[in-house]
Amino acid sequence: MSHLTRATLVGATVASGATALLGLAWLLGLGPNAYAVTGAALLAQLAGPDVATVVHVVTTLTGVAAGIAALAGALGARGRAATAVLQLVVLGLVLQGTGPLSTMGYLVAMAMPAAVVVLLVQVVRRYRVARWTIGVPGLALLLVGGFVARDALAGIVRMLGAGLAEHRAGLLLSLLVLVTGTLWAAVGVQALAGTSAAARATGWVLRHRTALTVVAATGPLPYALVRLTWFTPWPQLGFDLDLSTRIWGLTLSSGAWLGAILTLGLIRPWGEVFPRWMPGLAGRRVPVAAAAVPGGLIAVTLIFSIVPMLVLFGSQTPTQAVVGALVFPCWYWGPALALAVWGYVAHRVRAERAVGRTQDPALAGAPGERRG
């Protein structure tokens, strides 16, 4: 078993244990049960929060047991793959609601102001022309805008603080389930690696990875455009929006645009070598995990949200259902992003192997030696 496989198994086992402890705490009445919230999980809607919590605990404890057995050498590749499938089906379908998608979207949006400031500062530091055309004007605009809209920004902070406090149980559940699901998905992929079926599938993904990545990059665009309209001067959705809501809509939109740009990075040179404006990293190779881990986490979030979102759309009018499926296209965005990340990892691994072969004296041959 490789070091990477063992590390992934350890991570999946620990994550399963933490998720199991959360469910056990709810069974003991310690803290609010997130499954009691409307729309928290499909099983909770059908059988109640207690049944959902029991299934949650049993499934994650199964993951702990399987992880320990695999680390001890008592569970082979087929057993690891079967466990991964069980974890993904239960956590991603039976116990899934719309919470993880909202959680991930809000966390990305909350990080966007800091990301924009860092980006503009680096533009000022690294680019002479863009310093005065983009960097300095952008920072000045943020400073003036922040002062003018300080009351609205304070309102957003209060709203987010109250929301995090009120929904802390659901937030914790969403994050643990997403991390656990992502790690078990990685365990399953590693267990299947090296099989002929996996090799054929990887070859197909490599041949089509550009198209798959472009398709994945279109996924967040409808949401980005809709949220961007909140900042227009016209009433939206039949009612007037206050400045706090408009600014928050702009922030949500910027997070979606960032998602589209980063997705395209999976097929662009700057997705393999850090650009020169990045402090301390310029010119260095991008670690595969730096793109694969966040990309895989977002892909799992989207795939886990497919059924809950379709169920939500199905309860609405036909027109609302179509609009919802277009604005939140998890049904194609998630699978396309997963395939794009797969293609990126396979491409990087193949490229690194090719470099290793050319640098191996035994394979490269002596200078002037003819290779057949």
Protein backbone atom coordinates (compact mmCIF):
# COMPACT_ATOMS: atom_id res chain seq x y z
CA MET A 1 0.00 0.00 0.00
CA SER A 2 1.47 3.37 -1.03
CA HIS A 3 1.94 6.29 1.35
CA LEU A 4 -0.76 8.26 -0.49
CA THR A 5 -3.27 5.41 -0.25
CA ARG A 6 -2.54 4.95 3.45
CA ALA A 7 -2.84 8.69 4.11
CA THR A 8 -6.19 8.82 2.30
CA LEU A 9 -7.44 5.84 4.31
CA VAL A 10 -6.37 7.46 7.55
CA GLY A 11 -8.16 10.66 6.57
CA ALA A 12 -11.35 8.81 5.60
CA THR A 13 -11.30 6.81 8.83
CA VAL A 14 -10.80 9.87 11.03
CA ALA A 15 -13.47 11.84 9.15
CA SER A 16 -15.92 8.94 9.50
CA GLY A 17 -15.17 8.81 13.22
CA ALA A 18 -15.77 12.55 13.67
CA THR A 19 -19.02 12.33 11.72
CA ALA A 20 -20.13 9.33 13.77
CA LEU A 21 -19.44 11.19 17.02
CA LEU A 22 -21.63 14.05 15.82
CA GLY A 23 -24.51 11.64 15.20
CA LEU A 24 -23.99 9.92 18.56
CA ALA A 25 -24.14 13.30 20.29
CA TRP A 26 -27.51 13.96 18.68
CA LEU A 27 -28.83 10.55 19.71
CA LEU A 28 -27.86 11.41 23.30
CA GLY A 29 -29.68 14.71 23.05
CA LEU A 30 -26.54 16.85 23.08
CA GLY A 31 -27.21 19.87 20.93
CA PRO A 32 -29.73 20.53 18.15
CA ASN A 33 -30.14 17.73 15.60
CA ALA A 34 -29.53 19.08 12.10
CA TYR A 35 -31.72 16.33 10.63
CA ALA A 36 -34.72 17.88 12.41
CA VAL A 37 -34.52 20.91 10.11
CA THR A 38 -36.91 20.85 7.15
CA GLY A 39 -35.17 19.66 3.99
CA ALA A 40 -32.06 18.48 5.84
CA ALA A 41 -32.10 14.95 4.36
CA LEU A 42 -34.33 12.82 2.16
CA LEU A 43 -34.51 10.03 4.73
CA ALA A 44 -35.40 12.48 7.50
CA GLN A 45 -38.33 13.72 5.42
CA LEU A 46 -39.58 10.16 4.87
CA ALA A 47 -38.86 8.47 8.22
CA GLY A 48 -38.03 11.26 10.66
CA PRO A 49 -34.82 12.74 12.09
CA ASP A 50 -34.22 9.91 14.59
CA VAL A 51 -34.12 7.24 11.89
CA ALA A 52 -31.85 9.45 9.76
CA THR A 53 -29.50 9.92 12.71
CA VAL A 54 -29.31 6.17 13.40
CA VAL A 55 -28.51 5.47 9.74
CA HIS A 56 -25.93 8.26 9.88
CA VAL A 57 -24.19 6.69 12.89
CA VAL A 58 -24.29 3.11 11.58
CA THR A 59 -22.94 4.13 8.17
CA THR A 60 -20.08 6.21 9.49
CA LEU A 61 -19.12 3.59 12.11
CA THR A 62 -19.02 1.10 9.25
CA GLY A 63 -16.59 3.45 7.55
CA VAL A 64 -14.43 3.56 10.68
CA ALA A 65 -14.36 -0.25 10.94
CA ALA A 66 -13.57 -0.68 7.24
CA GLY A 67 -10.85 1.95 7.40
CA ILE A 68 -9.16 0.27 10.36
CA ALA A 69 -9.41 -3.12 8.66
CA ALA A 70 -7.90 -1.74 5.45
CA LEU A 71 -5.04 -0.09 7.32
CA ALA A 72 -4.36 -3.39 9.08
CA GLY A 73 -4.22 -5.20 5.74
CA ALA A 74 -7.41 -7.18 6.34
CA LEU A 75 -9.47 -5.43 3.64
CA GLY A 76 -8.41 -5.55 0.01
CA ALA A 77 -9.07 -3.25 -2.91
CA ARG A 78 -12.54 -4.68 -3.59
CA GLY A 79 -13.54 -4.20 0.03
CA ARG A 80 -12.30 -0.61 0.02
CA ALA A 81 -14.16 0.11 -3.20
CA ALA A 82 -17.37 -1.44 -1.82
CA THR A 83 -17.07 0.60 1.38
CA ALA A 84 -16.55 3.76 -0.65
CA VAL A 85 -19.69 3.06 -2.68
CA LEU A 86 -21.71 2.47 0.50
CA GLN A 87 -20.49 5.71 2.07
CA LEU A 88 -21.19 7.74 -1.06
CA VAL A 89 -24.67 6.30 -1.60
CA VAL A 90 -25.80 6.81 1.98
CA LEU A 91 -24.08 10.13 2.68
CA GLY A 92 -24.61 11.52 -0.80
CA LEU A 93 -28.16 10.36 -1.47
CA VAL A 94 -30.09 8.96 1.49
CA LEU A 95 -28.84 11.49 4.05
CA GLN A 96 -28.43 14.44 1.73
CA GLY A 97 -30.26 17.76 1.53
CA THR A 98 -29.60 21.17 0.00
CA GLY A 99 -27.47 22.32 2.95
CA PRO A 100 -23.99 21.43 1.64
CA LEU A 101 -24.44 23.43 -1.56
CA SER A 102 -25.56 26.52 0.38
CA THR A 103 -22.76 26.04 2.91
CA MET A 104 -20.04 25.81 0.27
CA GLY A 105 -21.42 28.74 -1.72
CA TYR A 106 -21.59 30.99 1.34
CA LEU A 107 -18.10 30.03 2.54
CA VAL A 108 -16.60 30.84 -0.86
CA ALA A 109 -18.49 34.14 -0.99
CA MET A 110 -17.30 35.09 2.51
CA ALA A 111 -13.70 34.58 1.40
CA MET A 112 -14.03 36.66 -1.77
CA PRO A 113 -13.40 40.17 -0.30
CA ALA A 114 -10.06 39.05 1.13
CA ALA A 115 -9.18 37.26 -2.11
CA VAL A 116 -9.91 40.40 -4.17
CA VAL A 117 -7.78 42.58 -1.88
CA VAL A 118 -4.84 40.14 -2.07
CA LEU A 119 -5.15 39.97 -5.86
CA LEU A 120 -5.16 43.77 -6.25
CA VAL A 121 -2.19 44.15 -3.90
CA GLN A 122 -0.24 41.63 -5.96
CA VAL A 123 -1.14 43.48 -9.16
CA VAL A 124 0.29 46.66 -7.60
CA ARG A 125 3.45 44.82 -6.54
CA ARG A 126 4.17 42.87 -9.73
CA TYR A 127 2.80 44.70 -12.79
CA ARG A 128 3.95 48.22 -13.68
CA VAL A 129 1.23 49.06 -16.19
CA ALA A 130 -1.65 47.24 -14.46
CA ARG A 131 -0.55 48.84 -11.17
CA TRP A 132 -2.08 52.18 -12.22
CA THR A 133 -4.84 50.92 -14.48
CA ILE A 134 -6.22 48.13 -12.27
CA GLY A 135 -4.44 47.72 -8.93
CA VAL A 136 -4.45 51.21 -7.42
CA PRO A 137 -7.89 52.22 -8.83
CA GLY A 138 -9.34 48.92 -7.62
CA LEU A 139 -8.00 49.32 -4.09
CA ALA A 140 -9.18 52.95 -4.01
CA LEU A 141 -12.65 51.89 -5.17
CA LEU A 142 -12.84 49.24 -2.47
CA LEU A 143 -11.74 51.74 0.19
CA VAL A 144 -14.23 54.42 -0.87
CA GLY A 145 -17.01 51.91 -1.42
CA GLY A 146 -16.40 50.32 1.96
CA PHE A 147 -16.64 53.73 3.66
CA VAL A 148 -19.79 54.78 1.80
CA ALA A 149 -21.52 51.42 2.32
CA ARG A 150 -20.20 50.80 5.84
CA ASP A 151 -23.71 50.46 7.31
CA ALA A 152 -24.70 47.96 4.63
CA LEU A 153 -21.50 45.98 5.17
CA ALA A 154 -22.14 45.94 8.92
CA GLY A 155 -25.60 44.57 8.15
CA ILE A 156 -24.08 41.76 6.07
CA VAL A 157 -21.69 40.87 8.90
CA ARG A 158 -24.57 40.75 11.38
CA MET A 159 -26.65 38.64 8.99
CA LEU A 160 -23.84 36.14 8.45
CA GLY A 161 -23.02 35.99 12.16
CA ALA A 162 -26.64 35.32 13.09
CA GLY A 163 -26.97 32.72 10.34
CA LEU A 164 -23.83 30.87 11.39
CA ALA A 165 -24.96 30.85 15.02
CA GLU A 166 -28.48 29.66 14.18
CA HIS A 167 -27.46 26.96 11.71
CA ARG A 168 -24.19 25.85 13.31
CA ALA A 169 -25.36 22.23 13.62
CA GLY A 170 -26.27 22.06 9.93
CA LEU A 171 -23.04 23.79 8.96
CA LEU A 172 -20.98 21.28 10.93
CA LEU A 173 -22.93 18.38 9.45
CA SER A 174 -22.49 19.68 5.91
CA LEU A 175 -18.75 20.16 6.25
CA LEU A 176 -18.14 16.77 7.89
CA VAL A 177 -20.27 14.91 5.34
CA LEU A 178 -18.55 16.64 2.43
CA VAL A 179 -15.05 15.95 3.75
CA THR A 180 -15.95 12.35 4.60
CA GLY A 181 -17.57 11.76 1.22
CA THR A 182 -14.65 13.30 -0.67
CA LEU A 183 -12.10 11.18 1.18
CA TRP A 184 -14.05 7.97 0.61
CA ALA A 185 -14.43 8.87 -3.06
CA ALA A 186 -10.63 9.16 -3.20
CA VAL A 187 -10.30 5.79 -1.44
CA GLY A 188 -12.57 4.22 -4.06
CA VAL A 189 -10.63 5.75 -6.93
CA GLN A 190 -7.34 4.51 -5.50
CA ALA A 191 -8.78 1.03 -4.99
CA LEU A 192 -9.82 0.85 -8.65
CA ALA A 193 -6.60 2.34 -10.01
CA GLY A 194 -4.58 -0.04 -12.12
CA THR A 195 -7.55 -2.06 -13.39
CA SER A 196 -8.15 -2.34 -17.13
CA ALA A 197 -11.54 -0.66 -16.79
CA ALA A 198 -9.99 2.30 -15.00
CA ALA A 199 -7.27 2.55 -17.66
CA ARG A 200 -9.85 2.63 -20.48
CA ALA A 201 -11.94 5.21 -18.66
CA THR A 202 -8.89 7.38 -17.96
CA GLY A 203 -7.89 7.24 -21.61
CA TRP A 204 -11.35 8.46 -22.64
CA VAL A 205 -11.27 11.27 -20.08
CA LEU A 206 -7.81 12.36 -21.24
CA ARG A 207 -8.97 12.53 -24.86
CA HIS A 208 -11.95 14.71 -23.95
CA ARG A 209 -10.67 16.61 -20.94
CA THR A 210 -10.66 20.00 -22.67
CA ALA A 211 -14.32 19.74 -23.67
CA LEU A 212 -15.27 18.31 -20.27
CA THR A 213 -13.51 21.16 -18.47
CA VAL A 214 -15.18 23.83 -20.61
CA VAL A 215 -18.57 22.26 -19.92
CA ALA A 216 -17.81 22.21 -16.19
CA ALA A 217 -16.75 25.87 -16.31
CA THR A 218 -20.20 26.85 -17.61
CA GLY A 219 -21.86 25.36 -14.53
CA PRO A 220 -21.60 28.38 -12.20
CA LEU A 221 -22.30 30.99 -14.89
CA PRO A 222 -26.15 31.05 -14.72
CA TYR A 223 -26.04 31.55 -10.95
CA ALA A 224 -23.32 34.19 -11.33
CA LEU A 225 -25.44 36.16 -13.81
CA VAL A 226 -28.61 35.94 -11.73
CA ARG A 227 -26.89 37.12 -8.56
CA LEU A 228 -25.18 39.91 -10.49
CA THR A 229 -28.60 41.34 -11.39
CA TRP A 230 -29.15 42.07 -7.69
CA PHE A 231 -26.74 44.97 -8.08
CA THR A 232 -28.69 46.60 -10.91
CA PRO A 233 -30.84 49.66 -10.13
CA TRP A 234 -34.08 47.89 -11.00
CA PRO A 235 -36.33 45.97 -8.59
CA GLN A 236 -35.60 42.25 -8.64
CA LEU A 237 -37.97 39.31 -8.17
CA GLY A 238 -40.93 41.60 -7.65
CA PHE A 239 -39.56 43.55 -4.67
CA ASP A 240 -36.94 46.17 -3.88
CA LEU A 241 -33.62 44.97 -2.46
CA ASP A 242 -31.72 46.95 0.15
CA LEU A 243 -28.05 47.79 -0.33
CA SER A 244 -26.87 44.98 1.97
CA THR A 245 -28.67 42.39 -0.14
CA ARG A 246 -27.35 43.88 -3.38
CA ILE A 247 -23.76 43.82 -2.13
CA TRP A 248 -24.16 40.25 -0.88
CA GLY A 249 -25.54 39.29 -4.30
CA LEU A 250 -22.44 40.79 -5.92
CA THR A 251 -20.24 38.81 -3.52
CA LEU A 252 -22.05 35.56 -4.30
CA SER A 253 -21.73 36.28 -8.00
CA SER A 254 -17.98 36.91 -7.68
CA GLY A 255 -17.55 33.53 -5.99
CA ALA A 256 -19.30 31.84 -8.89
CA TRP A 257 -17.14 33.67 -11.44
CA LEU A 258 -14.06 32.58 -9.53
CA GLY A 259 -15.27 28.99 -9.73
CA ALA A 260 -15.56 29.22 -13.52
CA ILE A 261 -12.06 30.75 -13.85
CA LEU A 262 -10.43 28.18 -11.57
CA THR A 263 -12.14 25.37 -13.47
CA LEU A 264 -10.59 26.61 -16.71
CA GLY A 265 -7.26 26.55 -14.90
CA LEU A 266 -7.43 22.75 -15.08
CA ILE A 267 -6.54 23.03 -18.78
CA ARG A 268 -4.48 26.22 -18.76
CA PRO A 269 -0.71 26.60 -18.19
CA TRP A 270 -1.25 28.57 -14.96
CA GLY A 271 -3.01 25.50 -13.61
CA GLU A 272 0.33 23.68 -13.77
CA VAL A 273 2.83 26.47 -13.03
CA PHE A 274 2.11 29.28 -10.56
CA PRO A 275 1.92 32.69 -12.32
CA ARG A 276 4.57 35.29 -11.51
CA TRP A 277 2.27 37.48 -9.40
CA MET A 278 1.89 34.82 -6.70
CA PRO A 279 4.24 35.63 -3.79
CA GLY A 280 6.77 32.95 -2.99
CA LEU A 281 5.35 30.52 -5.56
CA ALA A 282 5.94 32.19 -8.94
CA GLY A 283 7.35 29.77 -11.49
CA ARG A 284 6.97 26.69 -9.32
CA ARG A 285 4.96 23.65 -10.33
CA VAL A 286 1.45 23.61 -8.91
CA PRO A 287 1.07 20.54 -6.67
CA VAL A 288 -1.54 18.21 -8.12
CA ALA A 289 -3.37 18.16 -4.80
CA ALA A 290 -3.65 21.98 -4.81
CA ALA A 291 -6.11 21.71 -7.71
CA ALA A 292 -7.47 18.19 -7.23
CA VAL A 293 -8.51 18.49 -3.57
CA PRO A 294 -10.63 21.67 -3.78
CA GLY A 295 -11.92 20.65 -7.21
CA GLY A 296 -12.88 17.23 -5.94
CA LEU A 297 -14.55 18.71 -2.85
CA ILE A 298 -16.68 21.04 -4.98
CA ALA A 299 -17.52 18.19 -7.38
CA VAL A 300 -18.67 16.00 -4.47
CA THR A 301 -20.73 18.91 -3.11
CA LEU A 302 -22.48 19.32 -6.45
CA ILE A 303 -23.05 15.60 -7.01
CA PHE A 304 -24.43 15.20 -3.48
CA SER A 305 -26.84 18.06 -4.24
CA ILE A 306 -28.26 16.67 -7.49
CA VAL A 307 -31.13 14.61 -6.05
CA PRO A 308 -32.12 17.08 -3.28
CA MET A 309 -32.21 19.95 -5.77
CA LEU A 310 -34.24 17.95 -8.30
CA VAL A 311 -36.68 16.98 -5.55
CA LEU A 312 -36.96 20.65 -4.59
CA PHE A 313 -37.56 21.67 -8.20
CA GLY A 314 -40.12 18.89 -8.61
CA SER A 315 -42.27 20.43 -5.88
CA GLN A 316 -42.57 23.68 -7.83
CA THR A 317 -44.44 24.70 -10.96
CA PRO A 318 -43.03 23.46 -14.30
CA THR A 319 -41.68 26.92 -15.13
CA GLN A 320 -40.03 27.32 -11.73
CA ALA A 321 -38.58 23.80 -12.00
CA VAL A 322 -36.97 24.54 -15.39
CA VAL A 323 -35.59 27.88 -14.21
CA GLY A 324 -34.23 26.29 -11.04
CA ALA A 325 -32.57 23.46 -12.95
CA LEU A 326 -30.88 25.99 -15.23
CA VAL A 327 -29.74 28.37 -12.50
CA PHE A 328 -28.48 25.51 -10.29
CA PRO A 329 -27.34 22.96 -12.91
CA CYS A 330 -25.83 20.48 -10.43
CA TRP A 331 -27.16 17.65 -12.61
CA TYR A 332 -24.42 18.22 -15.22
CA TRP A 333 -22.03 20.57 -13.44
CA GLY A 334 -21.05 18.08 -10.73
CA PRO A 335 -20.29 15.10 -13.01
CA ALA A 336 -18.52 17.34 -15.54
CA LEU A 337 -16.32 18.88 -12.83
CA ALA A 338 -15.48 15.45 -11.42
CA LEU A 339 -14.39 14.31 -14.89
CA ALA A 340 -12.43 17.54 -15.41
CA VAL A 341 -10.52 16.98 -12.16
CA TRP A 342 -9.95 13.35 -13.16
CA GLY A 343 -8.53 14.50 -16.50
CA TYR A 344 -6.30 17.07 -14.82
CA VAL A 345 -4.82 14.54 -12.41
CA ALA A 346 -4.30 11.96 -15.17
CA HIS A 347 -2.67 14.57 -17.41
CA ARG A 348 -0.29 15.71 -14.66
CA VAL A 349 0.64 12.16 -13.71
CA ARG A 350 1.31 11.25 -17.34
CA ALA A 351 3.41 14.40 -17.85
CA GLU A 352 5.48 13.76 -14.74
CA ARG A 353 6.09 10.16 -15.78
CA ALA A 354 7.22 11.34 -19.21
CA VAL A 355 9.66 13.79 -17.61
CA GLY A 356 10.94 11.05 -15.33
CA ARG A 357 11.59 8.76 -18.30
CA THR A 358 13.52 11.41 -20.23
CA GLN A 359 15.64 12.18 -17.18
CA ASP A 360 16.42 8.52 -16.45
CA PRO A 361 19.89 7.78 -17.92
CA ALA A 362 18.97 4.13 -18.36
CA LEU A 363 16.06 5.13 -20.59
CA ALA A 364 17.46 8.24 -22.21
CA GLY A 365 20.59 6.55 -23.46
CA ALA A 366 24.08 7.99 -23.85
CA PRO A 367 24.63 11.14 -25.92
CA GLY A 368 24.45 10.33 -29.58
CA GLU A 369 23.08 6.86 -28.92
CA ARG A 370 20.31 5.87 -31.25
CA ARG A 371 17.13 4.74 -29.56
CA GLY A 372 14.77 2.32 -31.25
